Amino acid sequence: MPKASPTTTTPKAVPESYESALKELEALVADMEAGQLPLAQLLTGYQRGAELLTYCRAQLDAVEQQIKVLDNGTLKPWTPT
């Protein structure tokens, strides 16, 4: 009897940019909220969403650190113009 091959998911590539990650995350949330995905796809979508969220947070943290450096270690409050 042949062995069943384990199901493996191919990891998706790291997003090109914050904007592309955010766009993919928004599309993923919309698909999940539509309620039309099977349970297995919901789980896969949730996992991908968590990866994208981690990536976006890391990008925002990196930008915040760069701003602190540019402002001599002080993060100044943002005020809209």
C-alpha atoms as a PDB file:
ATOM      1  CA  MET A   1       0.000   0.000   0.000  1.00  0.00           C
ATOM      2  CA  PRO A   2       1.558   3.358  -1.006  1.00  0.00           C
ATOM      3  CA  LYS A   3       2.233   5.895   1.668  1.00  0.00           C
ATOM      4  CA  ALA A   4       0.120   8.996   1.574  1.00  0.00           C
ATOM      5  CA  SER A   5       2.279  12.001   0.960  1.00  0.00           C
ATOM      6  CA  PRO A   6       2.027  14.600   3.693  1.00  0.00           C
ATOM      7  CA  THR A   7       0.152  17.695   2.735  1.00  0.00           C
ATOM      8  CA  THR A   8       2.524  20.595   2.645  1.00  0.00           C
ATOM      9  CA  THR A   9       1.739  24.132   1.859  1.00  0.00           C
ATOM     10  CA  THR A  10       4.132  26.123  -0.198  1.00  0.00           C
ATOM     11  CA  PRO A  11       5.112  29.184   1.780  1.00  0.00           C
ATOM     12  CA  LYS A  12       4.186  32.362   0.001  1.00  0.00           C
ATOM     13  CA  ALA A  13       6.856  34.858  -0.799  1.00  0.00           C
ATOM     14  CA  VAL A  14       7.553  37.824   1.386  1.00  0.00           C
ATOM     15  CA  PRO A  15       5.551  40.780   0.077  1.00  0.00           C
ATOM     16  CA  GLU A  16       7.313  43.273  -2.174  1.00  0.00           C
ATOM     17  CA  SER A  17       6.288  46.192  -0.010  1.00  0.00           C
ATOM     18  CA  TYR A  18       4.107  47.317   2.868  1.00  0.00           C
ATOM     19  CA  GLU A  19       1.494  48.434   0.369  1.00  0.00           C
ATOM     20  CA  SER A  20       1.346  45.071  -1.399  1.00  0.00           C
ATOM     21  CA  ALA A  21       1.117  43.246   1.936  1.00  0.00           C
ATOM     22  CA  LEU A  22      -1.701  45.506   3.061  1.00  0.00           C
ATOM     23  CA  LYS A  23      -3.554  45.005  -0.230  1.00  0.00           C
ATOM     24  CA  GLU A  24      -3.228  41.218   0.039  1.00  0.00           C
ATOM     25  CA  LEU A  25      -4.348  41.324   3.673  1.00  0.00           C
ATOM     26  CA  GLU A  26      -7.415  43.418   2.821  1.00  0.00           C
ATOM     27  CA  ALA A  27      -8.381  41.026   0.008  1.00  0.00           C
ATOM     28  CA  LEU A  28      -7.897  38.060   2.316  1.00  0.00           C
ATOM     29  CA  VAL A  29     -10.103  39.591   5.008  1.00  0.00           C
ATOM     30  CA  ALA A  30     -12.803  40.368   2.447  1.00  0.00           C
ATOM     31  CA  ASP A  31     -12.766  36.760   1.208  1.00  0.00           C
ATOM     32  CA  MET A  32     -12.977  35.431   4.757  1.00  0.00           C
ATOM     33  CA  GLU A  33     -15.773  37.802   5.721  1.00  0.00           C
ATOM     34  CA  ALA A  34     -17.783  36.767   2.660  1.00  0.00           C
ATOM     35  CA  GLY A  35     -18.211  33.375   4.327  1.00  0.00           C
ATOM     36  CA  GLN A  36     -17.759  31.385   1.137  1.00  0.00           C
ATOM     37  CA  LEU A  37     -14.424  29.688   1.917  1.00  0.00           C
ATOM     38  CA  PRO A  38     -14.196  26.071   3.083  1.00  0.00           C
ATOM     39  CA  LEU A  39     -12.790  25.479   6.557  1.00  0.00           C
ATOM     40  CA  ALA A  40      -9.349  24.389   5.301  1.00  0.00           C
ATOM     41  CA  GLN A  41      -8.995  27.567   3.238  1.00  0.00           C
ATOM     42  CA  LEU A  42     -10.116  29.652   6.218  1.00  0.00           C
ATOM     43  CA  LEU A  43      -7.310  28.187   8.301  1.00  0.00           C
ATOM     44  CA  THR A  44      -4.761  28.756   5.541  1.00  0.00           C
ATOM     45  CA  GLY A  45      -6.082  32.284   5.067  1.00  0.00           C
ATOM     46  CA  TYR A  46      -5.839  32.995   8.778  1.00  0.00           C
ATOM     47  CA  GLN A  47      -2.231  31.807   8.840  1.00  0.00           C
ATOM     48  CA  ARG A  48      -1.318  33.937   5.824  1.00  0.00           C
ATOM     49  CA  GLY A  49      -3.099  36.893   7.375  1.00  0.00           C
ATOM     50  CA  ALA A  50      -1.062  36.504  10.547  1.00  0.00           C
ATOM     51  CA  GLU A  51       2.145  36.447   8.459  1.00  0.00           C
ATOM     52  CA  LEU A  52       1.102  39.574   6.570  1.00  0.00           C
ATOM     53  CA  LEU A  53       0.165  41.367   9.774  1.00  0.00           C
ATOM     54  CA  THR A  54       3.546  40.537  11.294  1.00  0.00           C
ATOM     55  CA  TYR A  55       5.276  41.832   8.159  1.00  0.00           C
ATOM     56  CA  CYS A  56       3.276  45.083   8.185  1.00  0.00           C
ATOM     57  CA  ARG A  57       3.963  45.685  11.867  1.00  0.00           C
ATOM     58  CA  ALA A  58       7.676  45.089  11.330  1.00  0.00           C
ATOM     59  CA  GLN A  59       7.710  47.580   8.457  1.00  0.00           C
ATOM     60  CA  LEU A  60       5.924  50.206  10.544  1.00  0.00           C
ATOM     61  CA  ASP A  61       8.306  49.627  13.459  1.00  0.00           C
ATOM     62  CA  ALA A  62      11.294  50.037  11.139  1.00  0.00           C
ATOM     63  CA  VAL A  63       9.949  53.314   9.795  1.00  0.00           C
ATOM     64  CA  GLU A  64       9.263  54.532  13.331  1.00  0.00           C
ATOM     65  CA  GLN A  65      12.856  53.760  14.318  1.00  0.00           C
ATOM     66  CA  GLN A  66      14.162  55.658  11.286  1.00  0.00           C
ATOM     67  CA  ILE A  67      12.028  58.655  12.227  1.00  0.00           C
ATOM     68  CA  LYS A  68      13.419  58.552  15.760  1.00  0.00           C
ATOM     69  CA  VAL A  69      16.941  58.625  14.356  1.00  0.00           C
ATOM     70  CA  LEU A  70      16.104  61.542  12.093  1.00  0.00           C
ATOM     71  CA  ASP A  71      14.521  63.404  15.021  1.00  0.00           C
ATOM     72  CA  ASN A  72      17.501  62.793  17.350  1.00  0.00           C
ATOM     73  CA  GLY A  73      15.897  59.971  19.298  1.00  0.00           C
ATOM     74  CA  THR A  74      12.544  61.629  19.905  1.00  0.00           C
ATOM     75  CA  LEU A  75       9.390  60.493  18.195  1.00  0.00           C
ATOM     76  CA  LYS A  76       7.376  63.647  17.685  1.00  0.00           C
ATOM     77  CA  PRO A  77       3.581  63.515  17.556  1.00  0.00           C
ATOM     78  CA  TRP A  78       2.154  63.672  14.079  1.00  0.00           C
ATOM     79  CA  THR A  79      -0.098  66.626  13.345  1.00  0.00           C
ATOM     80  CA  PRO A  80      -2.004  66.827  10.069  1.00  0.00           C
ATOM     81  CA  THR A  81      -1.348  69.894   7.994  1.00  0.00           C
END
